[in-house]
Amino acid sequence: MNHSRQGQAVCIYMDECQLGARFVTNSKFFWIAKYCAGDKQSVCKRRNYRDCGGQVPDNLLPNGSFL
């Protein structure tokens, strides 16, 4: 499902992405605001994996770093 936040469409994978589940602190909101619902959706490494049909590593951050 493709929602929108503040006029910007959110990532098409947001409902399925486990990014938010990896964090127990509010830091997940930074990643979500920038990559899932922000202007960095096209450079999200998690999305790039999905677009290419790959399985997203659980510990991959949107910027390509690993937890």
PDB file of N, CA and C in Angstrom:
ATOM      1  N   MET A   1       0.854  -1.177   0.000  1.00  0.00           N
ATOM      2  CA  MET A   1       0.000   0.000   0.000  1.00  0.00           C
ATOM      3  C   MET A   1       0.893   1.232   0.000  1.00  0.00           C
ATOM      4  N   ASN A   2       0.562   2.194  -0.815  1.00  0.00           N
ATOM      5  CA  ASN A   2       1.364   3.401  -0.921  1.00  0.00           C
ATOM      6  C   ASN A   2       0.645   4.551  -0.239  1.00  0.00           C
ATOM      7  N   HIS A   3       1.129   4.939   0.905  1.00  0.00           N
ATOM      8  CA  HIS A   3       0.548   6.034   1.677  1.00  0.00           C
ATOM      9  C   HIS A   3       1.279   7.316   1.308  1.00  0.00           C
ATOM     10  N   SER A   4       0.839   8.412   1.886  1.00  0.00           N
ATOM     11  CA  SER A   4       1.605   9.641   1.732  1.00  0.00           C
ATOM     12  C   SER A   4       1.701  10.314   3.084  1.00  0.00           C
ATOM     13  N   ARG A   5       2.786  11.014   3.252  1.00  0.00           N
ATOM     14  CA  ARG A   5       3.015  11.785   4.475  1.00  0.00           C
ATOM     15  C   ARG A   5       3.422  13.173   4.057  1.00  0.00           C
ATOM     16  N   GLN A   6       2.716  14.146   4.526  1.00  0.00           N
ATOM     17  CA  GLN A   6       2.996  15.551   4.235  1.00  0.00           C
ATOM     18  C   GLN A   6       3.170  15.778   2.733  1.00  0.00           C
ATOM     19  N   GLY A   7       2.316  15.153   1.925  1.00  0.00           N
ATOM     20  CA  GLY A   7       2.349  15.357   0.494  1.00  0.00           C
ATOM     21  C   GLY A   7       3.340  14.501  -0.262  1.00  0.00           C
ATOM     22  N   GLN A   8       4.205  13.789   0.416  1.00  0.00           N
ATOM     23  CA  GLN A   8       5.217  12.948  -0.235  1.00  0.00           C
ATOM     24  C   GLN A   8       4.779  11.497  -0.141  1.00  0.00           C
ATOM     25  N   ALA A   9       4.832  10.784  -1.227  1.00  0.00           N
ATOM     26  CA  ALA A   9       4.495   9.358  -1.208  1.00  0.00           C
ATOM     27  C   ALA A   9       5.563   8.606  -0.422  1.00  0.00           C
ATOM     28  N   VAL A  10       5.130   7.636   0.357  1.00  0.00           N
ATOM     29  CA  VAL A  10       6.096   6.822   1.095  1.00  0.00           C
ATOM     30  C   VAL A  10       6.542   5.660   0.225  1.00  0.00           C
ATOM     31  N   CYS A  11       7.614   5.037   0.610  1.00  0.00           N
ATOM     32  CA  CYS A  11       8.183   3.913  -0.122  1.00  0.00           C
ATOM     33  C   CYS A  11       7.142   2.813  -0.328  1.00  0.00           C
ATOM     34  N   ILE A  12       7.155   2.227  -1.489  1.00  0.00           N
ATOM     35  CA  ILE A  12       6.198   1.157  -1.801  1.00  0.00           C
ATOM     36  C   ILE A  12       6.410  -0.083  -0.943  1.00  0.00           C
ATOM     37  N   TYR A  13       7.579  -0.211  -0.333  1.00  0.00           N
ATOM     38  CA  TYR A  13       7.878  -1.363   0.508  1.00  0.00           C
ATOM     39  C   TYR A  13       7.706  -1.092   1.996  1.00  0.00           C
ATOM     40  N   MET A  14       7.272   0.086   2.348  1.00  0.00           N
ATOM     41  CA  MET A  14       7.233   0.482   3.758  1.00  0.00           C
ATOM     42  C   MET A  14       6.429  -0.480   4.641  1.00  0.00           C
ATOM     43  N   ASP A  15       5.297  -0.950   4.171  1.00  0.00           N
ATOM     44  CA  ASP A  15       4.469  -1.839   4.984  1.00  0.00           C
ATOM     45  C   ASP A  15       5.144  -3.184   5.254  1.00  0.00           C
ATOM     46  N   GLU A  16       6.054  -3.581   4.374  1.00  0.00           N
ATOM     47  CA  GLU A  16       6.721  -4.876   4.498  1.00  0.00           C
ATOM     48  C   GLU A  16       8.129  -4.780   5.081  1.00  0.00           C
ATOM     49  N   CYS A  17       8.704  -3.614   5.039  1.00  0.00           N
ATOM     50  CA  CYS A  17      10.092  -3.422   5.466  1.00  0.00           C
ATOM     51  C   CYS A  17      10.218  -3.596   6.976  1.00  0.00           C
ATOM     52  N   GLN A  18      11.247  -4.281   7.381  1.00  0.00           N
ATOM     53  CA  GLN A  18      11.480  -4.547   8.799  1.00  0.00           C
ATOM     54  C   GLN A  18      12.415  -3.528   9.452  1.00  0.00           C
ATOM     55  N   LEU A  19      12.681  -2.430   8.776  1.00  0.00           N
ATOM     56  CA  LEU A  19      13.586  -1.419   9.323  1.00  0.00           C
ATOM     57  C   LEU A  19      13.140  -0.941  10.697  1.00  0.00           C
ATOM     58  N   GLY A  20      11.889  -0.567  10.830  1.00  0.00           N
ATOM     59  CA  GLY A  20      11.381  -0.063  12.103  1.00  0.00           C
ATOM     60  C   GLY A  20      11.440  -1.080  13.214  1.00  0.00           C
ATOM     61  N   ALA A  21      11.328  -2.350  12.870  1.00  0.00           N
ATOM     62  CA  ALA A  21      11.362  -3.417  13.877  1.00  0.00           C
ATOM     63  C   ALA A  21      12.754  -3.599  14.472  1.00  0.00           C
ATOM     64  N   ARG A  22      13.790  -3.125  13.789  1.00  0.00           N
ATOM     65  CA  ARG A  22      15.169  -3.275  14.258  1.00  0.00           C
ATOM     66  C   ARG A  22      15.517  -2.306  15.383  1.00  0.00           C
ATOM     67  N   PHE A  23      14.732  -1.274  15.565  1.00  0.00           N
ATOM     68  CA  PHE A  23      15.060  -0.244  16.540  1.00  0.00           C
ATOM     69  C   PHE A  23      14.083  -0.246  17.703  1.00  0.00           C
ATOM     70  N   VAL A  24      14.607  -0.075  18.899  1.00  0.00           N
ATOM     71  CA  VAL A  24      13.757   0.053  20.083  1.00  0.00           C
ATOM     72  C   VAL A  24      13.755   1.497  20.575  1.00  0.00           C
ATOM     73  N   THR A  25      14.521   2.336  19.922  1.00  0.00           N
ATOM     74  CA  THR A  25      14.592   3.751  20.299  1.00  0.00           C
ATOM     75  C   THR A  25      13.917   4.587  19.217  1.00  0.00           C
ATOM     76  N   ASN A  26      13.860   5.856  19.427  1.00  0.00           N
ATOM     77  CA  ASN A  26      13.250   6.760  18.461  1.00  0.00           C
ATOM     78  C   ASN A  26      14.123   7.015  17.236  1.00  0.00           C
ATOM     79  N   SER A  27      15.314   6.429  17.181  1.00  0.00           N
ATOM     80  CA  SER A  27      16.179   6.652  16.024  1.00  0.00           C
ATOM     81  C   SER A  27      15.552   6.131  14.739  1.00  0.00           C
ATOM     82  N   LYS A  28      14.609   5.195  14.854  1.00  0.00           N
ATOM     83  CA  LYS A  28      13.961   4.690  13.640  1.00  0.00           C
ATOM     84  C   LYS A  28      13.213   5.802  12.913  1.00  0.00           C
ATOM     85  N   PHE A  29      12.737   6.797  13.641  1.00  0.00           N
ATOM     86  CA  PHE A  29      11.995   7.877  13.006  1.00  0.00           C
ATOM     87  C   PHE A  29      12.884   8.732  12.107  1.00  0.00           C
ATOM     88  N   PHE A  30      14.179   8.818  12.421  1.00  0.00           N
ATOM     89  CA  PHE A  30      15.131   9.515  11.546  1.00  0.00           C
ATOM     90  C   PHE A  30      15.194   8.809  10.198  1.00  0.00           C
ATOM     91  N   TRP A  31      15.405   7.488  10.231  1.00  0.00           N
ATOM     92  CA  TRP A  31      15.517   6.709   8.996  1.00  0.00           C
ATOM     93  C   TRP A  31      14.224   6.756   8.199  1.00  0.00           C
ATOM     94  N   ILE A  32      13.111   6.618   8.881  1.00  0.00           N
ATOM     95  CA  ILE A  32      11.811   6.629   8.203  1.00  0.00           C
ATOM     96  C   ILE A  32      11.555   7.982   7.551  1.00  0.00           C
ATOM     97  N   ALA A  33      11.844   9.058   8.272  1.00  0.00           N
ATOM     98  CA  ALA A  33      11.601  10.401   7.743  1.00  0.00           C
ATOM     99  C   ALA A  33      12.464  10.694   6.516  1.00  0.00           C
ATOM    100  N   LYS A  34      13.703  10.236   6.528  1.00  0.00           N
ATOM    101  CA  LYS A  34      14.625  10.530   5.424  1.00  0.00           C
ATOM    102  C   LYS A  34      14.462   9.586   4.243  1.00  0.00           C
ATOM    103  N   TYR A  35      14.337   8.298   4.528  1.00  0.00           N
ATOM    104  CA  TYR A  35      14.367   7.301   3.459  1.00  0.00           C
ATOM    105  C   TYR A  35      12.997   6.720   3.101  1.00  0.00           C
ATOM    106  N   CYS A  36      12.181   6.407   4.063  1.00  0.00           N
ATOM    107  CA  CYS A  36      10.889   5.755   3.783  1.00  0.00           C
ATOM    108  C   CYS A  36       9.827   6.747   3.342  1.00  0.00           C
ATOM    109  N   ALA A  37       9.863   7.931   3.910  1.00  0.00           N
ATOM    110  CA  ALA A  37       8.843   8.933   3.613  1.00  0.00           C
ATOM    111  C   ALA A  37       9.463  10.258   3.200  1.00  0.00           C
ATOM    112  N   GLY A  38      10.714  10.228   2.816  1.00  0.00           N
ATOM    113  CA  GLY A  38      11.405  11.460   2.473  1.00  0.00           C
ATOM    114  C   GLY A  38      11.999  11.445   1.085  1.00  0.00           C
ATOM    115  N   ASP A  39      12.919  12.358   0.880  1.00  0.00           N
ATOM    116  CA  ASP A  39      13.480  12.557  -0.449  1.00  0.00           C
ATOM    117  C   ASP A  39      14.618  11.605  -0.804  1.00  0.00           C
ATOM    118  N   LYS A  40      14.974  10.683   0.089  1.00  0.00           N
ATOM    119  CA  LYS A  40      16.070   9.752  -0.183  1.00  0.00           C
ATOM    120  C   LYS A  40      15.589   8.344  -0.548  1.00  0.00           C
ATOM    121  N   GLN A  41      14.316   8.215  -0.891  1.00  0.00           N
ATOM    122  CA  GLN A  41      13.778   6.899  -1.221  1.00  0.00           C
ATOM    123  C   GLN A  41      14.542   6.232  -2.363  1.00  0.00           C
ATOM    124  N   SER A  42      14.914   6.991  -3.362  1.00  0.00           N
ATOM    125  CA  SER A  42      15.569   6.410  -4.541  1.00  0.00           C
ATOM    126  C   SER A  42      16.983   5.914  -4.264  1.00  0.00           C
ATOM    127  N   VAL A  43      17.591   6.358  -3.158  1.00  0.00           N
ATOM    128  CA  VAL A  43      18.947   5.905  -2.839  1.00  0.00           C
ATOM    129  C   VAL A  43      18.973   4.942  -1.655  1.00  0.00           C
ATOM    130  N   CYS A  44      17.815   4.514  -1.205  1.00  0.00           N
ATOM    131  CA  CYS A  44      17.741   3.576  -0.079  1.00  0.00           C
ATOM    132  C   CYS A  44      18.289   2.219  -0.504  1.00  0.00           C
ATOM    133  N   LYS A  45      19.306   1.749   0.192  1.00  0.00           N
ATOM    134  CA  LYS A  45      19.922   0.457  -0.140  1.00  0.00           C
ATOM    135  C   LYS A  45      18.966  -0.697   0.113  1.00  0.00           C
ATOM    136  N   ARG A  46      18.098  -0.591   1.102  1.00  0.00           N
ATOM    137  CA  ARG A  46      17.105  -1.632   1.359  1.00  0.00           C
ATOM    138  C   ARG A  46      16.139  -1.729   0.182  1.00  0.00           C
ATOM    139  N   ARG A  47      15.709  -0.593  -0.307  1.00  0.00           N
ATOM    140  CA  ARG A  47      14.810  -0.570  -1.464  1.00  0.00           C
ATOM    141  C   ARG A  47      15.512  -1.097  -2.712  1.00  0.00           C
ATOM    142  N   ASN A  48      16.787  -0.730  -2.890  1.00  0.00           N
ATOM    143  CA  ASN A  48      17.539  -1.206  -4.043  1.00  0.00           C
ATOM    144  C   ASN A  48      17.629  -2.726  -4.066  1.00  0.00           C
ATOM    145  N   TYR A  49      17.845  -3.341  -2.903  1.00  0.00           N
ATOM    146  CA  TYR A  49      17.851  -4.806  -2.818  1.00  0.00           C
ATOM    147  C   TYR A  49      16.508  -5.359  -3.287  1.00  0.00           C
ATOM    148  N   ARG A  50      15.423  -4.783  -2.770  1.00  0.00           N
ATOM    149  CA  ARG A  50      14.073  -5.265  -3.119  1.00  0.00           C
ATOM    150  C   ARG A  50      13.790  -5.084  -4.606  1.00  0.00           C
ATOM    151  N   ASP A  51      14.155  -3.929  -5.144  1.00  0.00           N
ATOM    152  CA  ASP A  51      13.910  -3.657  -6.561  1.00  0.00           C
ATOM    153  C   ASP A  51      14.623  -4.659  -7.470  1.00  0.00           C
ATOM    154  N   CYS A  52      15.762  -5.159  -7.016  1.00  0.00           N
ATOM    155  CA  CYS A  52      16.546  -6.128  -7.801  1.00  0.00           C
ATOM    156  C   CYS A  52      16.156  -7.566  -7.494  1.00  0.00           C
ATOM    157  N   GLY A  53      15.141  -7.750  -6.661  1.00  0.00           N
ATOM    158  CA  GLY A  53      14.672  -9.088  -6.343  1.00  0.00           C
ATOM    159  C   GLY A  53      15.463  -9.785  -5.257  1.00  0.00           C
ATOM    160  N   GLY A  54      16.343  -9.060  -4.602  1.00  0.00           N
ATOM    161  CA  GLY A  54      17.160  -9.651  -3.550  1.00  0.00           C
ATOM    162  C   GLY A  54      16.483  -9.642  -2.198  1.00  0.00           C
ATOM    163  N   GLN A  55      17.031 -10.461  -1.317  1.00  0.00           N
ATOM    164  CA  GLN A  55      16.555 -10.497   0.066  1.00  0.00           C
ATOM    165  C   GLN A  55      17.344  -9.454   0.852  1.00  0.00           C
ATOM    166  N   VAL A  56      16.630  -8.586   1.540  1.00  0.00           N
ATOM    167  CA  VAL A  56      17.267  -7.508   2.291  1.00  0.00           C
ATOM    168  C   VAL A  56      17.845  -8.064   3.584  1.00  0.00           C
ATOM    169  N   PRO A  57      19.156  -7.870   3.814  1.00  0.00           N
ATOM    170  CA  PRO A  57      19.728  -8.282   5.093  1.00  0.00           C
ATOM    171  C   PRO A  57      19.049  -7.534   6.240  1.00  0.00           C
ATOM    172  N   ASP A  58      18.712  -8.240   7.293  1.00  0.00           N
ATOM    173  CA  ASP A  58      18.012  -7.626   8.427  1.00  0.00           C
ATOM    174  C   ASP A  58      18.759  -6.439   9.018  1.00  0.00           C
ATOM    175  N   ASN A  59      20.071  -6.486   8.991  1.00  0.00           N
ATOM    176  CA  ASN A  59      20.863  -5.447   9.649  1.00  0.00           C
ATOM    177  C   ASN A  59      21.346  -4.355   8.695  1.00  0.00           C
ATOM    178  N   LEU A  60      20.807  -4.313   7.479  1.00  0.00           N
ATOM    179  CA  LEU A  60      21.169  -3.275   6.513  1.00  0.00           C
ATOM    180  C   LEU A  60      20.383  -2.006   6.791  1.00  0.00           C
ATOM    181  N   LEU A  61      21.097  -0.900   6.906  1.00  0.00           N
ATOM    182  CA  LEU A  61      20.466   0.408   7.073  1.00  0.00           C
ATOM    183  C   LEU A  61      20.234   1.026   5.696  1.00  0.00           C
ATOM    184  N   PRO A  62      19.321   1.961   5.586  1.00  0.00           N
ATOM    185  CA  PRO A  62      19.025   2.571   4.283  1.00  0.00           C
ATOM    186  C   PRO A  62      20.224   3.217   3.591  1.00  0.00           C
ATOM    187  N   ASN A  63      21.200   3.655   4.370  1.00  0.00           N
ATOM    188  CA  ASN A  63      22.374   4.314   3.775  1.00  0.00           C
ATOM    189  C   ASN A  63      23.455   3.322   3.346  1.00  0.00           C
ATOM    190  N   GLY A  64      23.221   2.036   3.531  1.00  0.00           N
ATOM    191  CA  GLY A  64      24.183   1.017   3.129  1.00  0.00           C
ATOM    192  C   GLY A  64      25.067   0.526   4.255  1.00  0.00           C
ATOM    193  N   SER A  65      24.992   1.156   5.419  1.00  0.00           N
ATOM    194  CA  SER A  65      25.741   0.700   6.601  1.00  0.00           C
ATOM    195  C   SER A  65      25.026  -0.500   7.194  1.00  0.00           C
ATOM    196  N   PHE A  66      25.750  -1.227   8.012  1.00  0.00           N
ATOM    197  CA  PHE A  66      25.171  -2.365   8.717  1.00  0.00           C
ATOM    198  C   PHE A  66      25.189  -2.098  10.216  1.00  0.00           C
ATOM    199  N   LEU A  67      24.156  -2.575  10.892  1.00  0.00           N
ATOM    200  CA  LEU A  67      24.105  -2.459  12.353  1.00  0.00           C
ATOM    201  C   LEU A  67      25.105  -3.405  12.965  1.00  0.00           C
TER     202      LEU A  67
END
